[in-house]
Amino acid sequence: MESDPLWMLPNMALFHQVFSMPEIALGFFPDIGASYCLSRLPGFLGEYAGLTGARLDGAEMLACGLATHFVSSAVLEIEVCK
């Protein structure tokens, strides 16, 4: 991902976190901020997410560049048990 002041680094994604565009299901289109970010995703993933309203989980956000770090459920369970 190119250096961009809108992307605050590091971005952390949790295992249960979801990135979605729920307004697409209602017939609306993504706003200017979402369109700006979605257009910078690799390949046609941004167009796909913007047109279909697909949900991306934490691992998918890491794979496409929306997140820089991923925290799995095992790590959170260890921290809670201490």
N, C-alpha and C. Protein backbone atom coordinates (compact mmCIF):
# COMPACT_ATOMS: atom_id res chain seq x y z
N MET A 1 0.85 -1.17 0.00
CA MET A 1 0.00 0.00 0.00
C MET A 1 0.89 1.23 0.00
N GLU A 2 0.55 2.19 -0.79
CA GLU A 2 1.33 3.41 -0.86
C GLU A 2 1.19 4.22 0.43
N SER A 3 2.17 5.06 0.70
CA SER A 3 2.08 5.87 1.91
C SER A 3 1.00 6.92 1.73
N ASP A 4 0.11 6.99 2.67
CA ASP A 4 -1.06 7.83 2.56
C ASP A 4 -1.40 8.33 3.96
N PRO A 5 -1.60 9.62 4.16
CA PRO A 5 -1.90 10.13 5.50
C PRO A 5 -3.23 9.63 6.06
N LEU A 6 -4.13 9.12 5.22
CA LEU A 6 -5.40 8.62 5.73
C LEU A 6 -5.25 7.26 6.39
N TRP A 7 -4.20 6.54 6.05
CA TRP A 7 -3.99 5.22 6.63
C TRP A 7 -3.09 5.38 7.85
N MET A 8 -3.65 5.20 9.02
CA MET A 8 -2.87 5.30 10.24
C MET A 8 -2.23 3.94 10.50
N LEU A 9 -0.92 3.92 10.59
CA LEU A 9 -0.23 2.65 10.79
C LEU A 9 0.25 2.57 12.23
N PRO A 10 0.23 1.45 12.88
CA PRO A 10 -0.27 0.17 12.40
C PRO A 10 -1.78 0.04 12.57
N ASN A 11 -2.39 -0.71 11.69
CA ASN A 11 -3.81 -1.05 11.77
C ASN A 11 -3.91 -2.49 12.23
N MET A 12 -4.61 -2.72 13.32
CA MET A 12 -4.71 -4.06 13.87
C MET A 12 -6.11 -4.62 13.64
N ALA A 13 -6.16 -5.86 13.17
CA ALA A 13 -7.44 -6.54 12.95
C ALA A 13 -7.54 -7.71 13.92
N LEU A 14 -8.69 -7.83 14.56
CA LEU A 14 -8.94 -8.96 15.46
C LEU A 14 -9.64 -10.07 14.69
N PHE A 15 -9.64 -11.26 15.26
CA PHE A 15 -10.21 -12.42 14.56
C PHE A 15 -11.71 -12.27 14.32
N HIS A 16 -12.42 -11.52 15.15
CA HIS A 16 -13.86 -11.39 15.01
C HIS A 16 -14.28 -10.08 14.33
N GLN A 17 -13.31 -9.27 13.93
CA GLN A 17 -13.61 -7.99 13.31
C GLN A 17 -14.09 -8.18 11.87
N VAL A 18 -15.03 -7.33 11.44
CA VAL A 18 -15.59 -7.43 10.09
C VAL A 18 -15.57 -6.06 9.44
N PHE A 19 -15.10 -6.02 8.19
CA PHE A 19 -15.14 -4.80 7.38
C PHE A 19 -16.23 -5.01 6.35
N SER A 20 -17.22 -4.13 6.31
CA SER A 20 -18.32 -4.31 5.36
C SER A 20 -18.90 -2.96 4.96
N MET A 21 -19.69 -2.99 3.94
CA MET A 21 -20.39 -1.82 3.43
C MET A 21 -21.90 -2.13 3.48
N PRO A 22 -22.52 -2.03 4.66
CA PRO A 22 -23.92 -2.44 4.78
C PRO A 22 -24.89 -1.58 3.97
N GLU A 23 -24.50 -0.35 3.62
CA GLU A 23 -25.41 0.50 2.85
C GLU A 23 -25.65 -0.02 1.44
N ILE A 24 -24.75 -0.89 0.96
CA ILE A 24 -24.91 -1.47 -0.37
C ILE A 24 -26.17 -2.34 -0.41
N ALA A 25 -26.43 -3.08 0.67
CA ALA A 25 -27.61 -3.94 0.72
C ALA A 25 -28.90 -3.14 0.68
N LEU A 26 -28.84 -1.86 1.07
CA LEU A 26 -30.03 -1.01 1.05
C LEU A 26 -30.21 -0.27 -0.28
N GLY A 27 -29.25 -0.45 -1.20
CA GLY A 27 -29.35 0.21 -2.49
C GLY A 27 -28.58 1.50 -2.60
N PHE A 28 -27.83 1.85 -1.56
CA PHE A 28 -27.00 3.05 -1.62
C PHE A 28 -25.63 2.70 -2.18
N PHE A 29 -24.81 3.70 -2.44
CA PHE A 29 -23.45 3.47 -2.92
C PHE A 29 -22.46 3.98 -1.88
N PRO A 30 -21.20 3.49 -1.92
CA PRO A 30 -20.21 3.93 -0.92
C PRO A 30 -19.96 5.43 -0.99
N ASP A 31 -19.74 6.04 0.16
CA ASP A 31 -19.47 7.48 0.20
C ASP A 31 -18.05 7.77 -0.29
N ILE A 32 -17.66 9.02 -0.29
CA ILE A 32 -16.38 9.43 -0.86
C ILE A 32 -15.21 8.84 -0.09
N GLY A 33 -15.31 8.75 1.22
CA GLY A 33 -14.21 8.19 2.00
C GLY A 33 -14.00 6.71 1.72
N ALA A 34 -15.08 5.96 1.68
CA ALA A 34 -14.97 4.54 1.38
C ALA A 34 -14.53 4.32 -0.05
N SER A 35 -15.02 5.10 -0.97
CA SER A 35 -14.61 4.96 -2.37
C SER A 35 -13.12 5.22 -2.53
N TYR A 36 -12.60 6.19 -1.80
CA TYR A 36 -11.17 6.51 -1.86
C TYR A 36 -10.34 5.32 -1.36
N CYS A 37 -10.74 4.75 -0.25
CA CYS A 37 -9.99 3.63 0.32
C CYS A 37 -10.16 2.36 -0.50
N LEU A 38 -11.39 2.07 -0.93
CA LEU A 38 -11.64 0.86 -1.69
C LEU A 38 -10.92 0.86 -3.03
N SER A 39 -10.78 2.03 -3.64
CA SER A 39 -10.13 2.09 -4.95
C SER A 39 -8.64 1.81 -4.86
N ARG A 40 -8.07 1.83 -3.66
CA ARG A 40 -6.64 1.58 -3.49
C ARG A 40 -6.32 0.16 -3.05
N LEU A 41 -7.32 -0.69 -2.94
CA LEU A 41 -7.06 -2.09 -2.60
C LEU A 41 -6.51 -2.82 -3.82
N PRO A 42 -5.76 -3.89 -3.60
CA PRO A 42 -5.14 -4.59 -4.73
C PRO A 42 -6.17 -5.27 -5.63
N GLY A 43 -5.83 -5.33 -6.92
CA GLY A 43 -6.70 -5.98 -7.89
C GLY A 43 -8.05 -5.30 -7.97
N PHE A 44 -9.08 -6.10 -8.05
CA PHE A 44 -10.45 -5.60 -8.13
C PHE A 44 -11.21 -5.83 -6.83
N LEU A 45 -10.48 -6.04 -5.74
CA LEU A 45 -11.14 -6.31 -4.45
C LEU A 45 -11.98 -5.13 -3.98
N GLY A 46 -11.48 -3.92 -4.16
CA GLY A 46 -12.24 -2.74 -3.76
C GLY A 46 -13.52 -2.58 -4.54
N GLU A 47 -13.45 -2.80 -5.85
CA GLU A 47 -14.65 -2.71 -6.68
C GLU A 47 -15.65 -3.80 -6.29
N TYR A 48 -15.13 -5.01 -6.02
CA TYR A 48 -15.99 -6.11 -5.62
C TYR A 48 -16.70 -5.80 -4.30
N ALA A 49 -15.94 -5.32 -3.31
CA ALA A 49 -16.53 -5.01 -2.00
C ALA A 49 -17.51 -3.85 -2.11
N GLY A 50 -17.20 -2.86 -2.94
CA GLY A 50 -18.09 -1.72 -3.10
C GLY A 50 -19.36 -2.03 -3.85
N LEU A 51 -19.31 -2.98 -4.77
CA LEU A 51 -20.50 -3.33 -5.55
C LEU A 51 -21.37 -4.39 -4.91
N THR A 52 -20.75 -5.31 -4.16
CA THR A 52 -21.52 -6.42 -3.59
C THR A 52 -21.81 -6.28 -2.11
N GLY A 53 -21.06 -5.43 -1.42
CA GLY A 53 -21.23 -5.33 0.03
C GLY A 53 -20.67 -6.52 0.77
N ALA A 54 -19.71 -7.22 0.15
CA ALA A 54 -19.11 -8.41 0.77
C ALA A 54 -18.44 -8.04 2.09
N ARG A 55 -18.47 -8.97 3.02
CA ARG A 55 -17.85 -8.76 4.33
C ARG A 55 -16.46 -9.38 4.34
N LEU A 56 -15.49 -8.64 4.85
CA LEU A 56 -14.12 -9.13 4.97
C LEU A 56 -13.81 -9.35 6.44
N ASP A 57 -13.33 -10.53 6.79
CA ASP A 57 -12.96 -10.77 8.19
C ASP A 57 -11.54 -10.29 8.44
N GLY A 58 -11.05 -10.48 9.65
CA GLY A 58 -9.75 -9.96 10.04
C GLY A 58 -8.60 -10.48 9.18
N ALA A 59 -8.60 -11.77 8.88
CA ALA A 59 -7.52 -12.34 8.07
C ALA A 59 -7.57 -11.79 6.64
N GLU A 60 -8.74 -11.62 6.10
CA GLU A 60 -8.87 -11.06 4.76
C GLU A 60 -8.44 -9.60 4.72
N MET A 61 -8.73 -8.86 5.79
CA MET A 61 -8.28 -7.47 5.84
C MET A 61 -6.76 -7.39 5.87
N LEU A 62 -6.12 -8.32 6.55
CA LEU A 62 -4.66 -8.37 6.57
C LEU A 62 -4.12 -8.71 5.18
N ALA A 63 -4.75 -9.65 4.50
CA ALA A 63 -4.28 -10.08 3.19
C ALA A 63 -4.39 -8.98 2.13
N CYS A 64 -5.42 -8.15 2.22
CA CYS A 64 -5.61 -7.14 1.17
C CYS A 64 -5.00 -5.79 1.53
N GLY A 65 -4.46 -5.63 2.72
CA GLY A 65 -3.78 -4.40 3.08
C GLY A 65 -4.58 -3.42 3.91
N LEU A 66 -5.79 -3.77 4.31
CA LEU A 66 -6.55 -2.89 5.18
C LEU A 66 -6.02 -2.91 6.61
N ALA A 67 -5.30 -3.97 6.96
CA ALA A 67 -4.70 -4.09 8.29
C ALA A 67 -3.23 -4.46 8.14
N THR A 68 -2.44 -4.07 9.13
CA THR A 68 -1.03 -4.41 9.11
C THR A 68 -0.70 -5.53 10.10
N HIS A 69 -1.57 -5.78 11.06
CA HIS A 69 -1.36 -6.82 12.07
C HIS A 69 -2.67 -7.56 12.28
N PHE A 70 -2.57 -8.83 12.69
CA PHE A 70 -3.73 -9.67 12.96
C PHE A 70 -3.55 -10.33 14.31
N VAL A 71 -4.58 -10.28 15.15
CA VAL A 71 -4.56 -10.91 16.47
C VAL A 71 -5.55 -12.06 16.47
N SER A 72 -5.05 -13.27 16.66
CA SER A 72 -5.92 -14.45 16.62
C SER A 72 -6.62 -14.66 17.96
N SER A 73 -7.58 -15.57 17.98
CA SER A 73 -8.32 -15.83 19.21
C SER A 73 -7.44 -16.49 20.26
N ALA A 74 -6.45 -17.27 19.85
CA ALA A 74 -5.56 -17.93 20.80
C ALA A 74 -4.77 -16.93 21.62
N VAL A 75 -4.32 -15.86 21.00
CA VAL A 75 -3.56 -14.82 21.72
C VAL A 75 -4.45 -14.13 22.74
N LEU A 76 -5.68 -13.83 22.37
CA LEU A 76 -6.59 -13.16 23.30
C LEU A 76 -6.96 -14.07 24.46
N GLU A 77 -7.11 -15.38 24.24
CA GLU A 77 -7.42 -16.31 25.31
C GLU A 77 -6.28 -16.40 26.30
N ILE A 78 -5.05 -16.36 25.81
CA ILE A 78 -3.89 -16.43 26.70
C ILE A 78 -3.84 -15.20 27.59
N GLU A 79 -4.07 -14.03 27.04
CA GLU A 79 -4.01 -12.79 27.81
C GLU A 79 -5.14 -12.74 28.86
N VAL A 80 -6.31 -13.26 28.53
CA VAL A 80 -7.43 -13.23 29.46
C VAL A 80 -7.19 -14.18 30.63
N CYS A 81 -6.55 -15.32 30.36
CA CYS A 81 -6.34 -16.33 31.39
C CYS A 81 -5.26 -15.95 32.39
N LYS A 82 -4.40 -15.00 32.07
CA LYS A 82 -3.30 -14.64 32.99
C LYS A 82 -3.80 -13.91 34.21
